[in-house]
Amino acid sequence: MGEFGRLMVDSHASPRDLYDVSCPELDAMVEVALDVPGVAGARMTGARFGGCTVKLVHEDAVAEFRRTVLTRYMRKVQPSGLSFKPQVYVCRAEDGAGLMPLEG
């Protein structure tokens, strides 16, 4: 989880720095998320005009993450005049697509 989280952070920084495809809101969300205990990684998905960020959070840290990240984000962006209020959607990784045996 630690290595995957580090790669997520790197994959946020690379397109942001090399191709200028981030925005202040996405960068702020990644920054504040990485300061929350239990967050292993964060990166943008979508880009330029907003989009979303995806965070890799240890399961036992999800409740604290939900309690703190939005408040910290708003504190960070309000002085700069940004006012978009984000939402948090909690998802869980699943096995995904696979082969199913045919019956009959």
C-alpha atoms as a PDB file:
ATOM      1  CA  MET A   1       0.000   0.000   0.000  1.00  0.00           C
ATOM      2  CA  GLY A   2       2.858   2.369   0.774  1.00  0.00           C
ATOM      3  CA  GLU A   3       4.546   1.930  -2.595  1.00  0.00           C
ATOM      4  CA  PHE A   4       1.255   2.228  -4.482  1.00  0.00           C
ATOM      5  CA  GLY A   5       0.466   5.418  -2.520  1.00  0.00           C
ATOM      6  CA  ARG A   6       3.859   6.896  -3.404  1.00  0.00           C
ATOM      7  CA  LEU A   7       3.244   6.110  -7.072  1.00  0.00           C
ATOM      8  CA  MET A   8      -0.145   7.844  -6.867  1.00  0.00           C
ATOM      9  CA  VAL A   9       1.502  10.994  -5.504  1.00  0.00           C
ATOM     10  CA  ASP A  10       4.155  10.856  -8.237  1.00  0.00           C
ATOM     11  CA  SER A  11       1.490  10.364 -10.897  1.00  0.00           C
ATOM     12  CA  HIS A  12      -0.250  13.517  -9.666  1.00  0.00           C
ATOM     13  CA  ALA A  13       2.931  15.587  -9.686  1.00  0.00           C
ATOM     14  CA  SER A  14       4.175  14.459 -13.090  1.00  0.00           C
ATOM     15  CA  PRO A  15       1.301  15.692 -15.303  1.00  0.00           C
ATOM     16  CA  ARG A  16       0.837  18.728 -13.057  1.00  0.00           C
ATOM     17  CA  ASP A  17       4.459  19.794 -13.425  1.00  0.00           C
ATOM     18  CA  LEU A  18       5.253  18.583 -16.944  1.00  0.00           C
ATOM     19  CA  TYR A  19       1.989  19.332 -18.755  1.00  0.00           C
ATOM     20  CA  ASP A  20       0.223  21.908 -16.557  1.00  0.00           C
ATOM     21  CA  VAL A  21      -2.950  19.797 -16.382  1.00  0.00           C
ATOM     22  CA  SER A  22      -3.958  20.388 -12.802  1.00  0.00           C
ATOM     23  CA  CYS A  23      -5.694  23.268 -11.084  1.00  0.00           C
ATOM     24  CA  PRO A  24      -5.395  24.903  -7.645  1.00  0.00           C
ATOM     25  CA  GLU A  25      -8.440  23.043  -6.298  1.00  0.00           C
ATOM     26  CA  LEU A  26      -7.078  19.616  -7.246  1.00  0.00           C
ATOM     27  CA  ASP A  27      -3.623  20.432  -5.926  1.00  0.00           C
ATOM     28  CA  ALA A  28      -5.095  21.694  -2.646  1.00  0.00           C
ATOM     29  CA  MET A  29      -7.200  18.569  -2.198  1.00  0.00           C
ATOM     30  CA  VAL A  30      -4.196  16.300  -2.777  1.00  0.00           C
ATOM     31  CA  GLU A  31      -2.086  18.348  -0.350  1.00  0.00           C
ATOM     32  CA  VAL A  32      -4.608  18.364   2.491  1.00  0.00           C
ATOM     33  CA  ALA A  33      -5.458  14.689   1.980  1.00  0.00           C
ATOM     34  CA  LEU A  34      -1.812  13.682   2.289  1.00  0.00           C
ATOM     35  CA  ASP A  35      -1.665  15.445   5.673  1.00  0.00           C
ATOM     36  CA  VAL A  36      -4.448  13.263   7.108  1.00  0.00           C
ATOM     37  CA  PRO A  37      -3.126  10.267   9.055  1.00  0.00           C
ATOM     38  CA  GLY A  38      -3.850   7.005   7.276  1.00  0.00           C
ATOM     39  CA  VAL A  39      -3.774   8.415   3.745  1.00  0.00           C
ATOM     40  CA  ALA A  40      -1.248   6.444   1.712  1.00  0.00           C
ATOM     41  CA  GLY A  41      -1.633   8.302  -1.579  1.00  0.00           C
ATOM     42  CA  ALA A  42      -3.636  10.837  -3.564  1.00  0.00           C
ATOM     43  CA  ARG A  43      -3.799  11.996  -7.160  1.00  0.00           C
ATOM     44  CA  MET A  44      -6.016  13.822  -9.627  1.00  0.00           C
ATOM     45  CA  THR A  45      -8.306  12.064 -12.038  1.00  0.00           C
ATOM     46  CA  GLY A  46      -9.793  14.253 -14.674  1.00  0.00           C
ATOM     47  CA  ALA A  47      -7.894  17.461 -14.906  1.00  0.00           C
ATOM     48  CA  ARG A  48      -7.596  21.113 -15.775  1.00  0.00           C
ATOM     49  CA  PHE A  49     -11.125  22.293 -15.018  1.00  0.00           C
ATOM     50  CA  GLY A  50     -11.650  20.493 -11.748  1.00  0.00           C
ATOM     51  CA  GLY A  51     -12.241  16.806 -11.939  1.00  0.00           C
ATOM     52  CA  CYS A  52     -11.722  14.604  -8.918  1.00  0.00           C
ATOM     53  CA  THR A  53      -9.004  13.274  -6.730  1.00  0.00           C
ATOM     54  CA  VAL A  54      -8.644   9.665  -5.682  1.00  0.00           C
ATOM     55  CA  LYS A  55      -7.167   8.895  -2.313  1.00  0.00           C
ATOM     56  CA  LEU A  56      -5.843   5.604  -0.971  1.00  0.00           C
ATOM     57  CA  VAL A  57      -6.868   5.523   2.682  1.00  0.00           C
ATOM     58  CA  HIS A  58      -6.319   2.772   5.236  1.00  0.00           C
ATOM     59  CA  GLU A  59      -9.704   1.333   6.167  1.00  0.00           C
ATOM     60  CA  ASP A  60      -9.352   2.230   9.843  1.00  0.00           C
ATOM     61  CA  ALA A  61      -8.659   5.873   8.908  1.00  0.00           C
ATOM     62  CA  VAL A  62     -11.677   6.490   6.657  1.00  0.00           C
ATOM     63  CA  ALA A  63     -13.886   7.990   9.383  1.00  0.00           C
ATOM     64  CA  GLU A  64     -11.173  10.469  10.445  1.00  0.00           C
ATOM     65  CA  PHE A  65     -10.459  11.288   6.812  1.00  0.00           C
ATOM     66  CA  ARG A  66     -14.122  12.129   6.194  1.00  0.00           C
ATOM     67  CA  ARG A  67     -14.253  14.281   9.341  1.00  0.00           C
ATOM     68  CA  THR A  68     -11.173  16.338   8.577  1.00  0.00           C
ATOM     69  CA  VAL A  69     -10.365  16.573   4.874  1.00  0.00           C
ATOM     70  CA  LEU A  70     -13.214  18.862   3.789  1.00  0.00           C
ATOM     71  CA  THR A  71     -12.654  21.300   6.664  1.00  0.00           C
ATOM     72  CA  ARG A  72      -8.919  21.446   5.974  1.00  0.00           C
ATOM     73  CA  TYR A  73      -9.539  21.877   2.262  1.00  0.00           C
ATOM     74  CA  MET A  74     -11.951  24.794   2.761  1.00  0.00           C
ATOM     75  CA  ARG A  75      -9.511  26.471   5.182  1.00  0.00           C
ATOM     76  CA  LYS A  76      -6.758  26.158   2.578  1.00  0.00           C
ATOM     77  CA  VAL A  77      -8.674  27.447  -0.451  1.00  0.00           C
ATOM     78  CA  GLN A  78     -10.941  30.160   0.981  1.00  0.00           C
ATOM     79  CA  PRO A  79      -8.171  32.755   1.505  1.00  0.00           C
ATOM     80  CA  SER A  80      -7.317  32.457  -2.199  1.00  0.00           C
ATOM     81  CA  GLY A  81     -10.914  33.085  -3.247  1.00  0.00           C
ATOM     82  CA  LEU A  82     -11.662  29.528  -4.339  1.00  0.00           C
ATOM     83  CA  SER A  83     -15.091  28.489  -3.157  1.00  0.00           C
ATOM     84  CA  PHE A  84     -15.908  25.128  -4.721  1.00  0.00           C
ATOM     85  CA  LYS A  85     -17.194  22.834  -1.968  1.00  0.00           C
ATOM     86  CA  PRO A  86     -16.090  19.244  -2.579  1.00  0.00           C
ATOM     87  CA  GLN A  87     -17.813  15.998  -1.674  1.00  0.00           C
ATOM     88  CA  VAL A  88     -16.346  12.738  -0.402  1.00  0.00           C
ATOM     89  CA  TYR A  89     -17.429   9.404  -1.855  1.00  0.00           C
ATOM     90  CA  VAL A  90     -16.084   6.359  -0.052  1.00  0.00           C
ATOM     91  CA  CYS A  91     -15.432   3.348  -2.277  1.00  0.00           C
ATOM     92  CA  ARG A  92     -13.865  -0.008  -1.640  1.00  0.00           C
ATOM     93  CA  ALA A  93     -11.644  -1.952  -4.026  1.00  0.00           C
ATOM     94  CA  GLU A  94     -13.233  -5.146  -5.303  1.00  0.00           C
ATOM     95  CA  ASP A  95     -11.994  -8.109  -7.291  1.00  0.00           C
ATOM     96  CA  GLY A  96     -13.277  -6.583 -10.528  1.00  0.00           C
ATOM     97  CA  ALA A  97     -14.079  -8.346 -13.765  1.00  0.00           C
ATOM     98  CA  GLY A  98     -13.287 -11.985 -14.203  1.00  0.00           C
ATOM     99  CA  LEU A  99     -14.297 -15.183 -15.906  1.00  0.00           C
ATOM    100  CA  MET A 100     -17.439 -16.950 -14.759  1.00  0.00           C
ATOM    101  CA  PRO A 101     -18.089 -20.573 -15.572  1.00  0.00           C
ATOM    102  CA  LEU A 102     -21.096 -21.255 -17.770  1.00  0.00           C
ATOM    103  CA  GLU A 103     -23.726 -23.463 -16.246  1.00  0.00           C
ATOM    104  CA  GLY A 104     -25.901 -25.803 -18.162  1.00  0.00           C
END
